[in-house]
Structures are given as C-alpha cells and as structure tokens.
Amino acid sequence: MRNKNVLFIVRAALIAAIYVVLTCFVSAIGLASGAIQVRVSEALTILPYFSASAIPGLFVGCILANLLTGAAVFDVVFGSIATLLGAVGTYLLRKHRFLCTLPPVIANMVIIPPMLRYGYGLVMEYGGRDWSIPFYMFTVGAGEVICCCMMGTVLLNALAKVRNVIFRDTCAETA
C-alpha cells in the first residue's frame, strides 16, 4: 500500500514538472498565455486517461507554471481550476478514447475568456459592440483543440503502446 502511495505522488510530481517545463518553454516564445495561446503542456491533460495521479500533477503543474510565467493571481486560480476540471473530465471519460480530449477544451473555453476580458481588461470591440468573450472563446478554444485534441491524441496513441510499462499499476482502471 505504501509503495502505491509513493508511486502516486512521484508520478504526480513528474507530471507537474513536465507541465511546468513545457509551459515555460512555450512562454518564452509568447504562446503560453494571452488572447491567443497554444499551451503545448495542455496536451498532458490526456494523462488522466491512464492514471488518476495525473489530476493533481496537472493541477499543481498549472499553478506553478502560471506563477513562474508571471500570471496575475486570478489567472493562477482560475486557469488552474480550468486545467483541474479538464483533467477530472478526462479521467471520467477515460472509457471513451476520443471524448476524453474534450473536457480540457470546454473548461478552458468557458473559464479563460471572462478572465481575459474582466481580469486583464482585454477588450475586443467591433462595430461599437464588445466581442471579447466570443472572440476569446474562439481563440482559446482553437489553441486548446490544437493542444488537447490534436497533440493530446497523438500523445495518447503513443503512450497507449507502452501503457503496460509506464502505467503498469493503473492499467486495470482504464481497461
């Protein structure tokens, strides 16, 4: 029992570390935050498909990445909650290989646009109307589709081939 708990914590910590490194790398080229974001680390939100330890790993990784990349406090809180909800959704849909990539997309499309508009004050006006929320839903959603659905599916298919090696102790829960 003790070894399973240690393995759970170590796996979560490794996932958090990978999330942070990927986010910091992409942040250096300006794609990890803002109105148009392609946060490559969000591809890792498919990992709950294989192991529940990915849920706290992704949540902590997102918190740390947001802090390290200079996000505002509300972004650290709400951005991390979006990743947490996406990871939980992926875990709950782990029996449905295609659908499990969608919860992170939906969570970020719902939570991030109002934060960008009201938290950061990013306004997108056209024709005298405020189009910020729909515009950011589109841009954030497009970035999430690229990262979670496309890159995440590639990662899921690659890891599925070695799941018995990497996720040996958790294979029964996704079988």
C-alpha atoms as a PDB file:
ATOM      1  CA  MET A   1       0.000   0.000   0.000  1.00  0.00           C
ATOM      2  CA  ARG A   2       2.777   2.413   0.913  1.00  0.00           C
ATOM      3  CA  ASN A   3       4.571   1.848  -2.400  1.00  0.00           C
ATOM      4  CA  LYS A   4       1.380   2.680  -4.335  1.00  0.00           C
ATOM      5  CA  ASN A   5       1.048   5.982  -2.446  1.00  0.00           C
ATOM      6  CA  VAL A   6       4.678   6.849  -3.123  1.00  0.00           C
ATOM      7  CA  LEU A   7       4.268   5.935  -6.787  1.00  0.00           C
ATOM      8  CA  PHE A   8       1.135   8.089  -6.997  1.00  0.00           C
ATOM      9  CA  ILE A   9       2.955  11.106  -5.520  1.00  0.00           C
ATOM     10  CA  VAL A  10       6.088  10.623  -7.620  1.00  0.00           C
ATOM     11  CA  ARG A  11       4.072  10.254 -10.830  1.00  0.00           C
ATOM     12  CA  ALA A  12       2.041  13.374  -9.989  1.00  0.00           C
ATOM     13  CA  ALA A  13       5.248  15.311  -9.265  1.00  0.00           C
ATOM     14  CA  LEU A  14       6.823  14.214 -12.557  1.00  0.00           C
ATOM     15  CA  ILE A  15       3.738  15.259 -14.492  1.00  0.00           C
ATOM     16  CA  ALA A  16       3.733  18.624 -12.697  1.00  0.00           C
ATOM     17  CA  ALA A  17       7.412  19.130 -13.538  1.00  0.00           C
ATOM     18  CA  ILE A  18       6.897  18.277 -17.215  1.00  0.00           C
ATOM     19  CA  TYR A  19       3.900  20.625 -17.372  1.00  0.00           C
ATOM     20  CA  VAL A  20       5.961  23.470 -15.884  1.00  0.00           C
ATOM     21  CA  VAL A  21       8.919  22.923 -18.224  1.00  0.00           C
ATOM     22  CA  LEU A  22       6.725  22.764 -21.328  1.00  0.00           C
ATOM     23  CA  THR A  23       4.775  25.877 -20.304  1.00  0.00           C
ATOM     24  CA  CYS A  24       7.916  27.873 -19.528  1.00  0.00           C
ATOM     25  CA  PHE A  25       9.428  26.849 -22.866  1.00  0.00           C
ATOM     26  CA  VAL A  26       6.327  27.890 -24.833  1.00  0.00           C
ATOM     27  CA  SER A  27       6.017  31.046 -22.724  1.00  0.00           C
ATOM     28  CA  ALA A  28       9.469  32.102 -23.911  1.00  0.00           C
ATOM     29  CA  ILE A  29       8.065  32.397 -27.438  1.00  0.00           C
ATOM     30  CA  GLY A  30       4.859  34.081 -26.235  1.00  0.00           C
ATOM     31  CA  LEU A  31       2.325  31.315 -26.802  1.00  0.00           C
ATOM     32  CA  ALA A  32       1.534  30.150 -23.256  1.00  0.00           C
ATOM     33  CA  SER A  33      -0.869  32.926 -22.270  1.00  0.00           C
ATOM     34  CA  GLY A  34      -2.882  35.830 -23.576  1.00  0.00           C
ATOM     35  CA  ALA A  35      -5.696  36.106 -26.102  1.00  0.00           C
ATOM     36  CA  ILE A  36      -4.066  33.641 -28.478  1.00  0.00           C
ATOM     37  CA  GLN A  37      -2.486  30.758 -26.626  1.00  0.00           C
ATOM     38  CA  VAL A  38      -1.167  27.404 -27.689  1.00  0.00           C
ATOM     39  CA  ARG A  39      -0.026  25.964 -24.384  1.00  0.00           C
ATOM     40  CA  VAL A  40       1.628  22.743 -25.513  1.00  0.00           C
ATOM     41  CA  SER A  41       1.614  21.474 -21.927  1.00  0.00           C
ATOM     42  CA  GLU A  42      -2.183  21.167 -22.169  1.00  0.00           C
ATOM     43  CA  ALA A  43      -1.603  18.067 -24.309  1.00  0.00           C
ATOM     44  CA  LEU A  44      -0.739  16.392 -20.998  1.00  0.00           C
ATOM     45  CA  THR A  45      -4.379  16.694 -19.929  1.00  0.00           C
ATOM     46  CA  ILE A  46      -4.937  13.309 -21.602  1.00  0.00           C
ATOM     47  CA  LEU A  47      -2.790  11.643 -18.920  1.00  0.00           C
ATOM     48  CA  PRO A  48      -5.746  11.045 -16.559  1.00  0.00           C
ATOM     49  CA  TYR A  49      -6.875   8.583 -19.231  1.00  0.00           C
ATOM     50  CA  PHE A  50      -4.042   6.390 -17.944  1.00  0.00           C
ATOM     51  CA  SER A  51      -3.704   7.341 -14.277  1.00  0.00           C
ATOM     52  CA  ALA A  52      -5.569   9.342 -11.641  1.00  0.00           C
ATOM     53  CA  SER A  53      -2.229  10.641 -10.360  1.00  0.00           C
ATOM     54  CA  ALA A  54      -2.187  12.947 -13.387  1.00  0.00           C
ATOM     55  CA  ILE A  55      -5.040  15.007 -11.927  1.00  0.00           C
ATOM     56  CA  PRO A  56      -3.115  16.541  -9.000  1.00  0.00           C
ATOM     57  CA  GLY A  57       0.030  16.601 -11.147  1.00  0.00           C
ATOM     58  CA  LEU A  58      -1.628  18.732 -13.824  1.00  0.00           C
ATOM     59  CA  PHE A  59      -3.273  21.000 -11.242  1.00  0.00           C
ATOM     60  CA  VAL A  60      -0.054  21.659  -9.322  1.00  0.00           C
ATOM     61  CA  GLY A  61       1.901  21.948 -12.570  1.00  0.00           C
ATOM     62  CA  CYS A  62      -0.507  24.584 -13.860  1.00  0.00           C
ATOM     63  CA  ILE A  63      -0.341  26.552 -10.608  1.00  0.00           C
ATOM     64  CA  LEU A  64       3.470  26.533 -10.662  1.00  0.00           C
ATOM     65  CA  ALA A  65       3.668  27.320 -14.381  1.00  0.00           C
ATOM     66  CA  ASN A  66       1.287  30.250 -14.020  1.00  0.00           C
ATOM     67  CA  LEU A  67       3.262  31.601 -11.068  1.00  0.00           C
ATOM     68  CA  LEU A  68       6.594  31.196 -12.870  1.00  0.00           C
ATOM     69  CA  THR A  69       5.370  32.856 -16.076  1.00  0.00           C
ATOM     70  CA  GLY A  70       4.106  35.929 -14.233  1.00  0.00           C
ATOM     71  CA  ALA A  71       0.366  35.391 -14.394  1.00  0.00           C
ATOM     72  CA  ALA A  72      -1.900  37.513 -12.226  1.00  0.00           C
ATOM     73  CA  VAL A  73      -3.326  35.920  -9.071  1.00  0.00           C
ATOM     74  CA  PHE A  74      -6.804  35.449 -10.582  1.00  0.00           C
ATOM     75  CA  ASP A  75      -5.186  33.753 -13.590  1.00  0.00           C
ATOM     76  CA  VAL A  76      -3.265  31.403 -11.319  1.00  0.00           C
ATOM     77  CA  VAL A  77      -6.516  30.499  -9.559  1.00  0.00           C
ATOM     78  CA  PHE A  78      -8.974  30.287 -12.460  1.00  0.00           C
ATOM     79  CA  GLY A  79      -6.512  28.977 -15.061  1.00  0.00           C
ATOM     80  CA  SER A  80      -5.502  26.190 -12.698  1.00  0.00           C
ATOM     81  CA  ILE A  81      -9.129  25.395 -11.922  1.00  0.00           C
ATOM     82  CA  ALA A  82      -9.798  25.117 -15.677  1.00  0.00           C
ATOM     83  CA  THR A  83      -6.944  22.626 -16.012  1.00  0.00           C
ATOM     84  CA  LEU A  84      -8.154  20.720 -12.938  1.00  0.00           C
ATOM     85  CA  LEU A  85     -11.709  20.467 -14.283  1.00  0.00           C
ATOM     86  CA  GLY A  86     -10.367  19.377 -17.671  1.00  0.00           C
ATOM     87  CA  ALA A  87      -8.207  16.688 -16.058  1.00  0.00           C
ATOM     88  CA  VAL A  88     -11.101  15.393 -13.942  1.00  0.00           C
ATOM     89  CA  GLY A  89     -13.316  15.336 -17.045  1.00  0.00           C
ATOM     90  CA  THR A  90     -10.678  13.380 -18.934  1.00  0.00           C
ATOM     91  CA  TYR A  91     -10.494  10.863 -16.088  1.00  0.00           C
ATOM     92  CA  LEU A  92     -14.274  10.496 -16.003  1.00  0.00           C
ATOM     93  CA  LEU A  93     -14.380   9.924 -19.772  1.00  0.00           C
ATOM     94  CA  ARG A  94     -11.405   7.544 -19.868  1.00  0.00           C
ATOM     95  CA  LYS A  95     -13.585   4.775 -21.303  1.00  0.00           C
ATOM     96  CA  HIS A  96     -14.188   6.951 -24.379  1.00  0.00           C
ATOM     97  CA  ARG A  97     -10.886   7.455 -26.137  1.00  0.00           C
ATOM     98  CA  PHE A  98     -11.993  10.300 -28.438  1.00  0.00           C
ATOM     99  CA  LEU A  99     -14.255  12.135 -25.982  1.00  0.00           C
ATOM    100  CA  CYS A 100     -11.638  12.241 -23.226  1.00  0.00           C
ATOM    101  CA  THR A 101      -9.790  15.027 -25.073  1.00  0.00           C
ATOM    102  CA  LEU A 102     -12.780  17.385 -24.938  1.00  0.00           C
ATOM    103  CA  PRO A 103     -13.158  18.323 -21.225  1.00  0.00           C
ATOM    104  CA  PRO A 104      -9.985  20.475 -21.123  1.00  0.00           C
ATOM    105  CA  VAL A 105     -11.115  22.301 -24.271  1.00  0.00           C
ATOM    106  CA  ILE A 106     -14.561  23.019 -22.840  1.00  0.00           C
ATOM    107  CA  ALA A 107     -13.272  24.012 -19.382  1.00  0.00           C
ATOM    108  CA  ASN A 108     -10.785  26.477 -20.845  1.00  0.00           C
ATOM    109  CA  MET A 109     -13.276  27.881 -23.380  1.00  0.00           C
ATOM    110  CA  VAL A 110     -15.708  28.641 -20.559  1.00  0.00           C
ATOM    111  CA  ILE A 111     -13.348  29.839 -17.803  1.00  0.00           C
ATOM    112  CA  ILE A 112     -10.494  31.656 -19.569  1.00  0.00           C
ATOM    113  CA  PRO A 113     -12.347  34.174 -21.837  1.00  0.00           C
ATOM    114  CA  PRO A 114     -14.160  36.015 -18.996  1.00  0.00           C
ATOM    115  CA  MET A 115     -10.862  36.082 -17.089  1.00  0.00           C
ATOM    116  CA  LEU A 116      -9.090  37.647 -20.081  1.00  0.00           C
ATOM    117  CA  ARG A 117     -11.879  40.199 -20.551  1.00  0.00           C
ATOM    118  CA  TYR A 118     -12.589  41.212 -16.970  1.00  0.00           C
ATOM    119  CA  GLY A 119      -9.411  40.193 -15.166  1.00  0.00           C
ATOM    120  CA  TYR A 120      -6.877  41.514 -17.633  1.00  0.00           C
ATOM    121  CA  GLY A 121      -9.186  44.062 -19.247  1.00  0.00           C
ATOM    122  CA  LEU A 122      -8.530  42.783 -22.772  1.00  0.00           C
ATOM    123  CA  VAL A 123     -11.305  44.334 -24.867  1.00  0.00           C
ATOM    124  CA  MET A 124     -12.140  43.344 -28.422  1.00  0.00           C
ATOM    125  CA  GLU A 125     -14.614  45.855 -29.870  1.00  0.00           C
ATOM    126  CA  TYR A 126     -16.047  45.892 -33.340  1.00  0.00           C
ATOM    127  CA  GLY A 127     -18.938  47.980 -34.626  1.00  0.00           C
ATOM    128  CA  GLY A 128     -19.450  49.549 -31.207  1.00  0.00           C
ATOM    129  CA  ARG A 129     -20.011  46.173 -29.518  1.00  0.00           C
ATOM    130  CA  ASP A 130     -17.837  44.234 -27.118  1.00  0.00           C
ATOM    131  CA  TRP A 131     -16.951  40.924 -28.805  1.00  0.00           C
ATOM    132  CA  SER A 132     -14.318  39.982 -26.249  1.00  0.00           C
ATOM    133  CA  ILE A 133     -15.906  36.851 -24.778  1.00  0.00           C
ATOM    134  CA  PRO A 134     -16.881  35.217 -28.101  1.00  0.00           C
ATOM    135  CA  PHE A 135     -13.534  36.173 -29.647  1.00  0.00           C
ATOM    136  CA  TYR A 136     -11.546  34.731 -26.735  1.00  0.00           C
ATOM    137  CA  MET A 137     -13.732  31.628 -26.687  1.00  0.00           C
ATOM    138  CA  PHE A 138     -12.730  31.111 -30.316  1.00  0.00           C
ATOM    139  CA  THR A 139      -9.003  31.826 -29.848  1.00  0.00           C
ATOM    140  CA  VAL A 140      -8.610  29.912 -26.579  1.00  0.00           C
ATOM    141  CA  GLY A 141     -10.768  27.093 -27.938  1.00  0.00           C
ATOM    142  CA  ALA A 142      -8.683  26.869 -31.123  1.00  0.00           C
ATOM    143  CA  GLY A 143      -5.472  26.674 -29.073  1.00  0.00           C
ATOM    144  CA  GLU A 144      -6.978  24.001 -26.842  1.00  0.00           C
ATOM    145  CA  VAL A 145      -8.178  21.966 -29.835  1.00  0.00           C
ATOM    146  CA  ILE A 146      -4.640  22.084 -31.245  1.00  0.00           C
ATOM    147  CA  CYS A 147      -3.056  21.088 -27.926  1.00  0.00           C
ATOM    148  CA  CYS A 148      -5.611  18.764 -26.335  1.00  0.00           C
ATOM    149  CA  CYS A 149      -7.429  17.180 -29.247  1.00  0.00           C
ATOM    150  CA  MET A 150      -4.674  17.014 -31.833  1.00  0.00           C
ATOM    151  CA  MET A 151      -1.421  16.833 -29.875  1.00  0.00           C
ATOM    152  CA  GLY A 152      -3.147  15.091 -26.969  1.00  0.00           C
ATOM    153  CA  THR A 153      -4.487  12.360 -29.254  1.00  0.00           C
ATOM    154  CA  VAL A 154      -1.024  11.814 -30.724  1.00  0.00           C
ATOM    155  CA  LEU A 155       0.373  11.569 -27.182  1.00  0.00           C
ATOM    156  CA  LEU A 156      -2.460   9.253 -26.099  1.00  0.00           C
ATOM    157  CA  ASN A 157      -1.834   6.908 -29.029  1.00  0.00           C
ATOM    158  CA  ALA A 158       1.926   6.890 -28.397  1.00  0.00           C
ATOM    159  CA  LEU A 159       1.512   6.200 -24.670  1.00  0.00           C
ATOM    160  CA  ALA A 160      -1.166   3.539 -25.255  1.00  0.00           C
ATOM    161  CA  LYS A 161       1.524   1.381 -26.863  1.00  0.00           C
ATOM    162  CA  VAL A 162       3.668   1.482 -23.705  1.00  0.00           C
ATOM    163  CA  ARG A 163       0.949   1.850 -21.079  1.00  0.00           C
ATOM    164  CA  ASN A 164       1.790  -1.535 -19.514  1.00  0.00           C
ATOM    165  CA  VAL A 165       5.309  -0.297 -18.836  1.00  0.00           C
ATOM    166  CA  ILE A 166       4.708   3.317 -17.782  1.00  0.00           C
ATOM    167  CA  PHE A 167       1.314   2.908 -16.096  1.00  0.00           C
ATOM    168  CA  ARG A 168       1.642  -0.727 -15.013  1.00  0.00           C
ATOM    169  CA  ASP A 169      -0.118  -0.275 -11.650  1.00  0.00           C
ATOM    170  CA  THR A 170      -3.075   1.610 -13.158  1.00  0.00           C
ATOM    171  CA  CYS A 171      -3.782  -0.398 -16.305  1.00  0.00           C
ATOM    172  CA  ALA A 172      -6.735  -2.172 -14.710  1.00  0.00           C
ATOM    173  CA  GLU A 173      -8.597   1.095 -14.117  1.00  0.00           C
ATOM    174  CA  THR A 174      -8.616   2.010 -17.839  1.00  0.00           C
ATOM    175  CA  ALA A 175      -9.026  -1.428 -19.346  1.00  0.00           C
END
